[in-house]
Amino acid sequence: MSTLSNATNIFWQDCQLGKPERQKLLNQKGCVVWITGLSGSGKSTLACSPSSELHSRGKLSYILDGDNLRHGLNKDLGFKPEDRTENIRRTGEVAKLFADAGLICVASLISPYRRDRDTCRAMLPDANFIEVYMNMPLSLCEARDPKGLYKLARAGKIKGFTGIDDPYEPPLNCEIEIKEDDGDCPTPKVMAGQVVTYLEEKGFLEC
């Protein structure tokens, strides 16, 4: 006997209009730009910069910010490893829906564990998942400390903080890596240019 609590008696419902039709309407190709890096590395700055550039070109994008999502969709999750995994899984599923709608979805999260990011990549065709690694040194991120979290972590008031007492696993084969140039951080405009140029070269800005 089946029960309503079991997710076994469900079936995928297809519609006549699909992703190709939505992409044609928007004249762009849906994808996920996944920005990962330490707290303070500039992920949110980078997420907003290419979105502004895309908007000026008439391209539709949407930002999924890790902190913002924890105010709603993921507000029931903490920062234990299993909660972080679920946080990334949910975000990946939402990002996949945005990409299927034909949007350029920009996800900005620390996402410290490589396996969790790889799980999100596996949700989409490889070419539609673009991993952007904000490769900024811990010393720089800690010096910025825009939210005062490193100071609290160093004082032992925050446990399991990425980069201090919890690991960050850098990407092995990311599509875009953003880092210092002779000790200087690239400007938001330069970072946005790297992302938008990649999208343009790979054909995501037209259909």
N, C-alpha and C. Protein backbone atom coordinates (compact mmCIF):
# COMPACT_ATOMS: atom_id res chain seq x y z
N MET A 1 0.86 -1.20 0.00
CA MET A 1 0.00 0.00 0.00
C MET A 1 0.89 1.24 0.00
N SER A 2 0.63 2.15 -0.94
CA SER A 2 1.43 3.37 -1.02
C SER A 2 0.90 4.41 -0.06
N THR A 3 1.76 5.31 0.34
CA THR A 3 1.37 6.40 1.22
C THR A 3 1.76 7.72 0.57
N LEU A 4 1.11 8.80 0.98
CA LEU A 4 1.39 10.10 0.41
C LEU A 4 2.78 10.60 0.76
N SER A 5 3.37 10.03 1.81
CA SER A 5 4.69 10.49 2.24
C SER A 5 5.81 9.94 1.38
N ASN A 6 5.51 8.93 0.56
CA ASN A 6 6.55 8.33 -0.27
C ASN A 6 6.58 9.00 -1.64
N ALA A 7 7.77 9.41 -2.06
CA ALA A 7 7.92 10.08 -3.35
C ALA A 7 8.22 9.07 -4.45
N THR A 8 7.40 8.02 -4.55
CA THR A 8 7.63 6.98 -5.53
C THR A 8 6.62 7.03 -6.67
N ASN A 9 5.40 7.45 -6.37
CA ASN A 9 4.35 7.48 -7.39
C ASN A 9 4.28 8.84 -8.07
N ILE A 10 5.42 9.27 -8.61
CA ILE A 10 5.49 10.56 -9.28
C ILE A 10 6.09 10.37 -10.66
N PHE A 11 5.72 11.25 -11.57
CA PHE A 11 6.15 11.13 -12.95
C PHE A 11 6.54 12.50 -13.48
N TRP A 12 7.53 12.53 -14.37
CA TRP A 12 7.98 13.79 -14.96
C TRP A 12 6.95 14.27 -15.97
N GLN A 13 6.55 15.53 -15.87
CA GLN A 13 5.56 16.10 -16.77
C GLN A 13 6.25 17.02 -17.78
N ASP A 14 6.21 16.61 -19.03
CA ASP A 14 6.79 17.44 -20.09
C ASP A 14 5.74 18.39 -20.65
N CYS A 15 6.20 19.52 -21.19
CA CYS A 15 5.33 20.49 -21.84
C CYS A 15 5.80 20.69 -23.29
N GLN A 16 4.92 21.24 -24.11
CA GLN A 16 5.25 21.41 -25.52
C GLN A 16 6.39 22.40 -25.71
N LEU A 17 6.40 23.46 -24.92
CA LEU A 17 7.46 24.45 -25.01
C LEU A 17 8.56 24.11 -24.02
N GLY A 18 9.78 24.06 -24.50
CA GLY A 18 10.89 23.68 -23.63
C GLY A 18 12.01 24.71 -23.64
N LYS A 19 13.16 24.27 -23.19
CA LYS A 19 14.31 25.17 -23.09
C LYS A 19 14.69 25.82 -24.42
N PRO A 20 14.71 25.09 -25.53
CA PRO A 20 15.09 25.73 -26.80
C PRO A 20 14.18 26.91 -27.16
N GLU A 21 12.89 26.75 -26.92
CA GLU A 21 11.95 27.83 -27.23
C GLU A 21 12.17 29.04 -26.32
N ARG A 22 12.44 28.78 -25.05
CA ARG A 22 12.68 29.88 -24.11
C ARG A 22 13.97 30.60 -24.46
N GLN A 23 14.99 29.85 -24.84
CA GLN A 23 16.26 30.48 -25.21
C GLN A 23 16.11 31.32 -26.47
N LYS A 24 15.31 30.84 -27.41
CA LYS A 24 15.08 31.59 -28.64
C LYS A 24 14.36 32.89 -28.33
N LEU A 25 13.40 32.84 -27.42
CA LEU A 25 12.67 34.03 -27.04
C LEU A 25 13.59 35.09 -26.42
N LEU A 26 14.54 34.62 -25.59
CA LEU A 26 15.45 35.53 -24.89
C LEU A 26 16.70 35.86 -25.70
N ASN A 27 16.93 35.10 -26.76
CA ASN A 27 18.15 35.23 -27.57
C ASN A 27 19.40 35.10 -26.71
N GLN A 28 19.42 34.07 -25.90
CA GLN A 28 20.59 33.73 -25.09
C GLN A 28 20.45 32.27 -24.69
N LYS A 29 21.50 31.71 -24.12
CA LYS A 29 21.48 30.32 -23.70
C LYS A 29 21.61 30.24 -22.19
N GLY A 30 20.74 29.45 -21.57
CA GLY A 30 20.76 29.31 -20.12
C GLY A 30 22.00 28.58 -19.64
N CYS A 31 22.55 29.04 -18.52
CA CYS A 31 23.73 28.41 -17.94
C CYS A 31 23.83 28.82 -16.48
N VAL A 32 24.77 28.21 -15.78
CA VAL A 32 25.03 28.54 -14.38
C VAL A 32 26.48 28.99 -14.26
N VAL A 33 26.67 30.21 -13.78
CA VAL A 33 28.01 30.72 -13.46
C VAL A 33 28.16 30.58 -11.94
N TRP A 34 28.97 29.62 -11.51
CA TRP A 34 29.09 29.30 -10.09
C TRP A 34 30.38 29.91 -9.53
N ILE A 35 30.23 30.94 -8.69
CA ILE A 35 31.39 31.64 -8.14
C ILE A 35 31.70 31.09 -6.76
N THR A 36 32.91 30.60 -6.58
CA THR A 36 33.32 30.01 -5.31
C THR A 36 34.60 30.65 -4.81
N GLY A 37 34.77 30.67 -3.50
CA GLY A 37 35.97 31.26 -2.91
C GLY A 37 35.75 31.57 -1.45
N LEU A 38 36.80 31.95 -0.78
CA LEU A 38 36.72 32.26 0.64
C LEU A 38 35.83 33.47 0.91
N SER A 39 35.35 33.57 2.13
CA SER A 39 34.63 34.76 2.55
C SER A 39 35.56 35.97 2.40
N GLY A 40 35.07 37.03 1.78
CA GLY A 40 35.90 38.21 1.58
C GLY A 40 36.73 38.19 0.32
N SER A 41 36.58 37.16 -0.50
CA SER A 41 37.39 37.07 -1.72
C SER A 41 36.84 37.92 -2.85
N GLY A 42 35.60 38.40 -2.70
CA GLY A 42 35.02 39.25 -3.73
C GLY A 42 33.94 38.59 -4.56
N LYS A 43 33.36 37.51 -4.05
CA LYS A 43 32.35 36.76 -4.81
C LYS A 43 31.12 37.61 -5.13
N SER A 44 30.59 38.29 -4.12
CA SER A 44 29.38 39.08 -4.33
C SER A 44 29.64 40.25 -5.27
N THR A 45 30.82 40.86 -5.13
CA THR A 45 31.19 41.96 -6.03
C THR A 45 31.24 41.47 -7.47
N LEU A 46 31.85 40.31 -7.65
CA LEU A 46 31.94 39.73 -8.99
C LEU A 46 30.55 39.37 -9.51
N ALA A 47 29.69 38.82 -8.66
CA ALA A 47 28.36 38.41 -9.10
C ALA A 47 27.56 39.59 -9.64
N CYS A 48 27.66 40.73 -8.97
CA CYS A 48 26.89 41.91 -9.38
C CYS A 48 27.46 42.57 -10.63
N SER A 49 28.78 42.52 -10.79
CA SER A 49 29.42 43.24 -11.89
C SER A 49 29.04 42.69 -13.27
N PRO A 50 29.19 41.39 -13.53
CA PRO A 50 28.79 40.90 -14.86
C PRO A 50 27.29 40.96 -15.07
N SER A 51 26.50 40.87 -13.99
CA SER A 51 25.05 40.98 -14.14
C SER A 51 24.67 42.35 -14.68
N SER A 52 25.36 43.40 -14.22
CA SER A 52 25.11 44.75 -14.73
C SER A 52 25.50 44.86 -16.20
N GLU A 53 26.64 44.26 -16.54
CA GLU A 53 27.10 44.29 -17.93
C GLU A 53 26.14 43.53 -18.83
N LEU A 54 25.68 42.37 -18.36
CA LEU A 54 24.73 41.58 -19.15
C LEU A 54 23.42 42.34 -19.34
N HIS A 55 22.97 43.00 -18.28
CA HIS A 55 21.73 43.78 -18.37
C HIS A 55 21.84 44.88 -19.42
N SER A 56 23.01 45.53 -19.45
CA SER A 56 23.21 46.61 -20.42
C SER A 56 23.19 46.08 -21.85
N ARG A 57 23.44 44.78 -22.01
CA ARG A 57 23.42 44.17 -23.34
C ARG A 57 22.06 43.54 -23.66
N GLY A 58 21.11 43.71 -22.75
CA GLY A 58 19.79 43.14 -22.97
C GLY A 58 19.71 41.66 -22.67
N LYS A 59 20.64 41.16 -21.82
CA LYS A 59 20.64 39.75 -21.46
C LYS A 59 20.11 39.58 -20.03
N LEU A 60 19.30 38.54 -19.85
CA LEU A 60 18.61 38.33 -18.58
C LEU A 60 19.41 37.38 -17.69
N SER A 61 19.73 37.84 -16.50
CA SER A 61 20.46 37.02 -15.54
C SER A 61 19.81 37.14 -14.18
N TYR A 62 20.19 36.24 -13.27
CA TYR A 62 19.67 36.31 -11.90
C TYR A 62 20.75 35.81 -10.95
N ILE A 63 20.91 36.52 -9.82
CA ILE A 63 21.95 36.19 -8.85
C ILE A 63 21.35 35.37 -7.70
N LEU A 64 21.98 34.26 -7.41
CA LEU A 64 21.67 33.48 -6.21
C LEU A 64 22.82 33.69 -5.23
N ASP A 65 22.61 34.55 -4.24
CA ASP A 65 23.65 34.86 -3.26
C ASP A 65 23.49 33.95 -2.04
N GLY A 66 24.60 33.37 -1.60
CA GLY A 66 24.55 32.42 -0.49
C GLY A 66 23.92 32.98 0.76
N ASP A 67 24.30 34.19 1.16
CA ASP A 67 23.73 34.80 2.36
C ASP A 67 22.24 35.09 2.18
N ASN A 68 21.87 35.58 1.01
CA ASN A 68 20.46 35.89 0.75
C ASN A 68 19.59 34.63 0.83
N LEU A 69 20.10 33.53 0.29
CA LEU A 69 19.34 32.29 0.31
C LEU A 69 19.12 31.77 1.72
N ARG A 70 20.05 32.10 2.62
CA ARG A 70 19.90 31.66 4.01
C ARG A 70 18.86 32.49 4.77
N HIS A 71 18.32 33.51 4.13
CA HIS A 71 17.21 34.26 4.72
C HIS A 71 15.87 33.63 4.37
N GLY A 72 15.86 32.70 3.41
CA GLY A 72 14.61 32.13 2.96
C GLY A 72 14.70 30.64 2.71
N LEU A 73 15.05 30.28 1.48
CA LEU A 73 15.09 28.88 1.07
C LEU A 73 15.90 28.00 2.02
N ASN A 74 17.04 28.51 2.47
CA ASN A 74 17.96 27.70 3.29
C ASN A 74 18.07 28.19 4.73
N LYS A 75 17.04 28.89 5.21
CA LYS A 75 17.12 29.46 6.56
C LYS A 75 17.09 28.40 7.66
N ASP A 76 16.71 27.18 7.31
CA ASP A 76 16.66 26.11 8.32
C ASP A 76 17.99 25.37 8.43
N LEU A 77 19.00 25.80 7.69
CA LEU A 77 20.28 25.10 7.67
C LEU A 77 21.35 25.85 8.46
N GLY A 78 22.22 25.07 9.13
CA GLY A 78 23.33 25.65 9.85
C GLY A 78 24.60 25.54 9.02
N PHE A 79 25.73 25.36 9.71
CA PHE A 79 27.01 25.32 9.01
C PHE A 79 27.79 24.04 9.29
N LYS A 80 27.11 23.01 9.77
CA LYS A 80 27.73 21.70 9.87
C LYS A 80 27.97 21.18 8.45
N PRO A 81 28.94 20.28 8.27
CA PRO A 81 29.22 19.78 6.92
C PRO A 81 27.99 19.28 6.18
N GLU A 82 27.11 18.55 6.88
CA GLU A 82 25.92 18.03 6.20
C GLU A 82 24.95 19.14 5.82
N ASP A 83 24.90 20.19 6.65
CA ASP A 83 24.04 21.33 6.32
C ASP A 83 24.61 22.11 5.13
N ARG A 84 25.91 22.23 5.08
CA ARG A 84 26.54 22.93 3.96
C ARG A 84 26.30 22.16 2.66
N THR A 85 26.36 20.85 2.74
CA THR A 85 26.10 20.03 1.56
C THR A 85 24.67 20.23 1.08
N GLU A 86 23.72 20.24 2.00
CA GLU A 86 22.32 20.44 1.64
C GLU A 86 22.09 21.86 1.11
N ASN A 87 22.79 22.83 1.68
CA ASN A 87 22.71 24.21 1.21
C ASN A 87 23.11 24.31 -0.26
N ILE A 88 24.20 23.65 -0.60
CA ILE A 88 24.68 23.69 -1.98
C ILE A 88 23.77 22.88 -2.89
N ARG A 89 23.27 21.75 -2.41
CA ARG A 89 22.37 20.93 -3.24
C ARG A 89 21.12 21.72 -3.62
N ARG A 90 20.50 22.35 -2.64
CA ARG A 90 19.28 23.13 -2.92
C ARG A 90 19.57 24.26 -3.89
N THR A 91 20.69 24.95 -3.66
CA THR A 91 21.04 26.06 -4.54
C THR A 91 21.29 25.56 -5.96
N GLY A 92 21.95 24.42 -6.06
CA GLY A 92 22.21 23.83 -7.38
C GLY A 92 20.93 23.49 -8.12
N GLU A 93 19.95 22.96 -7.39
CA GLU A 93 18.67 22.61 -8.01
C GLU A 93 17.95 23.86 -8.50
N VAL A 94 17.98 24.93 -7.70
CA VAL A 94 17.34 26.18 -8.12
C VAL A 94 18.08 26.78 -9.32
N ALA A 95 19.40 26.75 -9.28
CA ALA A 95 20.20 27.28 -10.39
C ALA A 95 19.90 26.52 -11.67
N LYS A 96 19.71 25.22 -11.55
CA LYS A 96 19.38 24.39 -12.71
C LYS A 96 18.06 24.83 -13.32
N LEU A 97 17.08 25.16 -12.48
CA LEU A 97 15.78 25.62 -12.97
C LEU A 97 15.91 26.94 -13.72
N PHE A 98 16.71 27.86 -13.16
CA PHE A 98 16.92 29.14 -13.83
C PHE A 98 17.57 28.93 -15.20
N ALA A 99 18.57 28.05 -15.26
CA ALA A 99 19.24 27.77 -16.53
C ALA A 99 18.26 27.15 -17.52
N ASP A 100 17.39 26.27 -17.03
CA ASP A 100 16.40 25.64 -17.90
C ASP A 100 15.40 26.66 -18.42
N ALA A 101 15.17 27.72 -17.63
CA ALA A 101 14.28 28.80 -18.07
C ALA A 101 14.94 29.69 -19.12
N GLY A 102 16.24 29.48 -19.37
CA GLY A 102 16.96 30.26 -20.36
C GLY A 102 17.76 31.40 -19.80
N LEU A 103 17.81 31.52 -18.46
CA LEU A 103 18.53 32.62 -17.83
C LEU A 103 19.99 32.27 -17.60
N ILE A 104 20.79 33.31 -17.47
CA ILE A 104 22.17 33.14 -17.02
C ILE A 104 22.13 33.29 -15.50
N CYS A 105 22.26 32.19 -14.80
CA CYS A 105 22.16 32.19 -13.34
C CYS A 105 23.54 32.32 -12.73
N VAL A 106 23.73 33.34 -11.92
CA VAL A 106 25.02 33.58 -11.26
C VAL A 106 24.87 33.20 -9.79
N ALA A 107 25.50 32.11 -9.39
CA ALA A 107 25.43 31.64 -8.01
C ALA A 107 26.72 32.01 -7.28
N SER A 108 26.57 32.70 -6.16
CA SER A 108 27.73 33.19 -5.41
C SER A 108 27.71 32.61 -4.00
N LEU A 109 28.53 31.59 -3.77
CA LEU A 109 28.58 30.92 -2.48
C LEU A 109 30.01 30.48 -2.19
N ILE A 110 30.38 30.44 -0.91
CA ILE A 110 31.69 29.91 -0.55
C ILE A 110 31.84 28.50 -1.10
N SER A 111 30.81 27.69 -0.91
CA SER A 111 30.80 26.28 -1.38
C SER A 111 32.18 25.64 -1.23
N PRO A 112 32.59 25.39 0.02
CA PRO A 112 33.97 25.00 0.29
C PRO A 112 34.37 23.59 -0.14
N TYR A 113 33.38 22.70 -0.31
CA TYR A 113 33.72 21.31 -0.58
C TYR A 113 33.61 20.99 -2.07
N ARG A 114 34.68 20.43 -2.59
CA ARG A 114 34.76 20.14 -4.02
C ARG A 114 33.66 19.19 -4.47
N ARG A 115 33.37 18.18 -3.65
CA ARG A 115 32.37 17.19 -4.07
C ARG A 115 30.99 17.82 -4.23
N ASP A 116 30.68 18.81 -3.41
CA ASP A 116 29.38 19.47 -3.51
C ASP A 116 29.27 20.29 -4.79
N ARG A 117 30.35 20.98 -5.14
CA ARG A 117 30.34 21.74 -6.39
C ARG A 117 30.26 20.80 -7.59
N ASP A 118 30.96 19.68 -7.50
CA ASP A 118 30.92 18.70 -8.60
C ASP A 118 29.52 18.11 -8.74
N THR A 119 28.82 17.96 -7.62
CA THR A 119 27.44 17.47 -7.68
C THR A 119 26.56 18.44 -8.45
N CYS A 120 26.75 19.73 -8.22
CA CYS A 120 25.98 20.74 -8.95
C CYS A 120 26.34 20.72 -10.43
N ARG A 121 27.62 20.55 -10.72
CA ARG A 121 28.05 20.48 -12.12
C ARG A 121 27.36 19.31 -12.82
N ALA A 122 27.24 18.20 -12.12
CA ALA A 122 26.64 17.00 -12.71
C ALA A 122 25.15 17.17 -12.99
N MET A 123 24.52 18.18 -12.38
CA MET A 123 23.10 18.42 -12.63
C MET A 123 22.87 19.00 -14.02
N LEU A 124 23.88 19.59 -14.62
CA LEU A 124 23.75 20.24 -15.92
C LEU A 124 24.75 19.65 -16.90
N PRO A 125 24.49 19.83 -18.19
CA PRO A 125 25.53 19.46 -19.16
C PRO A 125 26.80 20.24 -18.82
N ASP A 126 27.95 19.62 -18.96
CA ASP A 126 29.22 20.22 -18.52
C ASP A 126 29.40 21.64 -19.04
N ALA A 127 29.09 21.85 -20.30
CA ALA A 127 29.35 23.16 -20.90
C ALA A 127 28.45 24.25 -20.32
N ASN A 128 27.38 23.85 -19.62
CA ASN A 128 26.44 24.83 -19.07
C ASN A 128 26.72 25.18 -17.62
N PHE A 129 27.77 24.60 -17.05
CA PHE A 129 28.18 24.90 -15.68
C PHE A 129 29.56 25.53 -15.75
N ILE A 130 29.64 26.80 -15.37
CA ILE A 130 30.89 27.54 -15.48
C ILE A 130 31.37 27.89 -14.08
N GLU A 131 32.42 27.22 -13.65
CA GLU A 131 32.94 27.42 -12.30
C GLU A 131 33.97 28.54 -12.31
N VAL A 132 33.73 29.54 -11.46
CA VAL A 132 34.64 30.69 -11.36
C VAL A 132 35.27 30.67 -9.97
N TYR A 133 36.57 30.55 -9.93
CA TYR A 133 37.29 30.46 -8.66
C TYR A 133 37.92 31.79 -8.32
N MET A 134 37.45 32.37 -7.21
CA MET A 134 38.05 33.61 -6.71
C MET A 134 39.28 33.22 -5.88
N ASN A 135 40.40 33.13 -6.54
CA ASN A 135 41.62 32.65 -5.92
C ASN A 135 42.37 33.80 -5.25
N MET A 136 41.84 34.20 -4.10
CA MET A 136 42.46 35.27 -3.33
C MET A 136 43.06 34.69 -2.04
N PRO A 137 44.25 35.13 -1.65
CA PRO A 137 44.89 34.57 -0.46
C PRO A 137 44.10 34.85 0.81
N LEU A 138 44.21 33.93 1.75
CA LEU A 138 43.52 34.07 3.03
C LEU A 138 43.90 35.38 3.71
N SER A 139 45.16 35.78 3.61
CA SER A 139 45.61 37.01 4.28
C SER A 139 44.85 38.22 3.75
N LEU A 140 44.58 38.25 2.46
CA LEU A 140 43.83 39.36 1.88
C LEU A 140 42.38 39.34 2.35
N CYS A 141 41.76 38.16 2.28
CA CYS A 141 40.36 38.03 2.70
C CYS A 141 40.19 38.40 4.17
N GLU A 142 41.17 37.99 4.98
CA GLU A 142 41.10 38.27 6.41
C GLU A 142 41.33 39.76 6.68
N ALA A 143 42.17 40.39 5.86
CA ALA A 143 42.41 41.82 6.03
C ALA A 143 41.16 42.62 5.65
N ARG A 144 40.46 42.15 4.65
CA ARG A 144 39.21 42.82 4.26
C ARG A 144 38.16 42.62 5.34
N ASP A 145 37.87 41.35 5.64
CA ASP A 145 36.91 40.94 6.67
C ASP A 145 35.69 41.87 6.70
N PRO A 146 34.96 42.00 5.57
CA PRO A 146 33.87 42.98 5.50
C PRO A 146 32.74 42.73 6.49
N LYS A 147 32.57 41.49 6.93
CA LYS A 147 31.48 41.18 7.86
C LYS A 147 31.98 40.93 9.28
N GLY A 148 33.29 41.07 9.49
CA GLY A 148 33.86 40.85 10.82
C GLY A 148 33.87 39.41 11.26
N LEU A 149 33.74 38.48 10.31
CA LEU A 149 33.63 37.06 10.66
C LEU A 149 34.97 36.43 10.99
N TYR A 150 36.02 36.84 10.29
CA TYR A 150 37.34 36.27 10.58
C TYR A 150 37.77 36.63 12.01
N LYS A 151 37.50 37.86 12.40
CA LYS A 151 37.85 38.30 13.75
C LYS A 151 37.14 37.43 14.79
N LEU A 152 35.87 37.15 14.54
CA LEU A 152 35.11 36.32 15.47
C LEU A 152 35.63 34.88 15.47
N ALA A 153 35.99 34.39 14.28
CA ALA A 153 36.52 33.02 14.18
C ALA A 153 37.86 32.90 14.89
N ARG A 154 38.72 33.89 14.74
CA ARG A 154 40.02 33.87 15.41
C ARG A 154 39.86 33.93 16.93
N ALA A 155 38.79 34.57 17.37
CA ALA A 155 38.53 34.69 18.81
C ALA A 155 37.80 33.47 19.36
N GLY A 156 37.52 32.50 18.48
CA GLY A 156 36.84 31.28 18.91
C GLY A 156 35.35 31.44 19.10
N LYS A 157 34.79 32.55 18.61
CA LYS A 157 33.35 32.80 18.78
C LYS A 157 32.53 32.19 17.66
N ILE A 158 33.20 31.82 16.57
CA ILE A 158 32.57 31.10 15.46
C ILE A 158 33.37 29.83 15.23
N LYS A 159 32.71 28.70 15.23
CA LYS A 159 33.37 27.43 15.00
C LYS A 159 33.08 26.93 13.59
N GLY A 160 34.03 26.21 13.03
CA GLY A 160 33.85 25.64 11.69
C GLY A 160 33.85 26.68 10.60
N PHE A 161 34.66 27.73 10.76
CA PHE A 161 34.69 28.81 9.77
C PHE A 161 35.68 28.47 8.66
N THR A 162 35.21 28.55 7.43
CA THR A 162 36.04 28.18 6.28
C THR A 162 37.32 29.01 6.21
N GLY A 163 38.44 28.31 6.10
CA GLY A 163 39.74 28.98 6.00
C GLY A 163 40.45 29.10 7.33
N ILE A 164 39.68 28.95 8.44
CA ILE A 164 40.29 29.05 9.77
C ILE A 164 40.32 27.67 10.43
N ASP A 165 39.16 27.12 10.75
CA ASP A 165 39.16 25.78 11.33
C ASP A 165 38.26 24.82 10.55
N ASP A 166 37.99 25.16 9.30
CA ASP A 166 37.30 24.27 8.38
C ASP A 166 37.93 24.47 7.00
N PRO A 167 38.14 23.41 6.24
CA PRO A 167 38.91 23.53 5.00
C PRO A 167 38.14 24.15 3.85
N TYR A 168 38.89 24.76 2.93
CA TYR A 168 38.36 25.14 1.64
C TYR A 168 39.11 24.33 0.59
N GLU A 169 38.36 23.63 -0.26
CA GLU A 169 38.97 22.79 -1.28
C GLU A 169 38.87 23.50 -2.63
N PRO A 170 39.96 24.04 -3.14
CA PRO A 170 39.92 24.80 -4.40
C PRO A 170 39.57 23.92 -5.59
N PRO A 171 38.97 24.49 -6.61
CA PRO A 171 38.66 23.73 -7.82
C PRO A 171 39.92 23.17 -8.47
N LEU A 172 39.76 22.04 -9.13
CA LEU A 172 40.88 21.43 -9.85
C LEU A 172 40.86 21.81 -11.32
N ASN A 173 39.66 21.99 -11.88
CA ASN A 173 39.54 22.29 -13.31
C ASN A 173 38.44 23.31 -13.54
N CYS A 174 38.59 24.49 -12.94
CA CYS A 174 37.57 25.52 -13.11
C CYS A 174 37.69 26.15 -14.50
N GLU A 175 36.58 26.73 -14.98
CA GLU A 175 36.59 27.39 -16.27
C GLU A 175 37.26 28.76 -16.21
N ILE A 176 37.10 29.46 -15.10
CA ILE A 176 37.67 30.80 -14.96
C ILE A 176 38.32 30.92 -13.58
N GLU A 177 39.53 31.42 -13.54
CA GLU A 177 40.22 31.67 -12.27
C GLU A 177 40.57 33.16 -12.20
N ILE A 178 40.16 33.79 -11.12
CA ILE A 178 40.45 35.21 -10.93
C ILE A 178 41.38 35.36 -9.74
N LYS A 179 42.53 35.99 -9.95
CA LYS A 179 43.52 36.12 -8.89
C LYS A 179 44.26 37.44 -9.01
N GLU A 180 45.12 37.68 -8.04
CA GLU A 180 45.89 38.91 -8.03
C GLU A 180 46.89 38.94 -9.18
N ASP A 181 47.20 40.13 -9.62
CA ASP A 181 48.21 40.34 -10.66
C ASP A 181 49.31 41.18 -10.06
N ASP A 182 50.45 40.55 -9.77
CA ASP A 182 51.56 41.24 -9.11
C ASP A 182 51.13 41.90 -7.82
N GLY A 183 50.28 41.20 -7.06
CA GLY A 183 49.84 41.70 -5.77
C GLY A 183 48.65 42.63 -5.82
N ASP A 184 48.17 42.95 -7.01
CA ASP A 184 47.02 43.84 -7.16
C ASP A 184 45.77 43.03 -7.52
N CYS A 185 44.66 43.34 -6.87
CA CYS A 185 43.40 42.68 -7.18
C CYS A 185 42.78 43.31 -8.43
N PRO A 186 42.22 42.51 -9.31
CA PRO A 186 41.56 43.09 -10.49
C PRO A 186 40.34 43.90 -10.07
N THR A 187 40.03 44.92 -10.81
CA THR A 187 38.87 45.76 -10.53
C THR A 187 37.59 44.99 -10.87
N PRO A 188 36.44 45.40 -10.31
CA PRO A 188 35.18 44.74 -10.67
C PRO A 188 34.93 44.73 -12.17
N LYS A 189 35.31 45.82 -12.86
CA LYS A 189 35.11 45.89 -14.31
C LYS A 189 35.95 44.85 -15.03
N VAL A 190 37.18 44.67 -14.58
CA VAL A 190 38.06 43.68 -15.21
C VAL A 190 37.54 42.27 -14.95
N MET A 191 37.11 42.01 -13.73
CA MET A 191 36.57 40.68 -13.40
C MET A 191 35.32 40.39 -14.21
N ALA A 192 34.44 41.38 -14.30
CA ALA A 192 33.22 41.20 -15.08
C ALA A 192 33.56 40.92 -16.54
N GLY A 193 34.59 41.60 -17.03
CA GLY A 193 35.00 41.40 -18.41
C GLY A 193 35.44 39.97 -18.68
N GLN A 194 36.14 39.36 -17.72
CA GLN A 194 36.58 37.98 -17.89
C GLN A 194 35.38 37.05 -18.03
N VAL A 195 34.38 37.25 -17.18
CA VAL A 195 33.21 36.37 -17.20
C VAL A 195 32.38 36.59 -18.46
N VAL A 196 32.10 37.85 -18.78
CA VAL A 196 31.26 38.15 -19.94
C VAL A 196 31.95 37.72 -21.24
N THR A 197 33.25 37.92 -21.32
CA THR A 197 34.00 37.49 -22.50
C THR A 197 33.90 35.98 -22.68
N TYR A 198 34.02 35.25 -21.57
CA TYR A 198 33.91 33.78 -21.64
C TYR A 198 32.52 33.40 -22.16
N LEU A 199 31.48 34.01 -21.60
CA LEU A 199 30.11 33.69 -22.03
C LEU A 199 29.92 34.01 -23.51
N GLU A 200 30.50 35.11 -23.92
CA GLU A 200 30.38 35.52 -25.33
C GLU A 200 31.09 34.52 -26.24
N GLU A 201 32.31 34.16 -25.87
CA GLU A 201 33.10 33.25 -26.70
C GLU A 201 32.47 31.87 -26.79
N LYS A 202 31.77 31.45 -25.73
CA LYS A 202 31.14 30.13 -25.71
C LYS A 202 29.72 30.15 -26.28
N GLY A 203 29.27 31.29 -26.74
CA GLY A 203 27.99 31.36 -27.42
C GLY A 203 26.77 31.46 -26.53
N PHE A 204 26.94 31.84 -25.27
CA PHE A 204 25.79 31.92 -24.37
C PHE A 204 24.99 33.21 -24.53
N LEU A 205 25.55 34.20 -25.22
CA LEU A 205 24.88 35.50 -25.33
C LEU A 205 24.08 35.64 -26.62
N GLU A 206 23.84 34.53 -27.29
CA GLU A 206 22.99 34.53 -28.47
C GLU A 206 22.38 33.14 -28.62
N CYS A 207 21.35 33.07 -29.41
CA CYS A 207 20.73 31.78 -29.64
C CYS A 207 20.50 31.61 -31.14
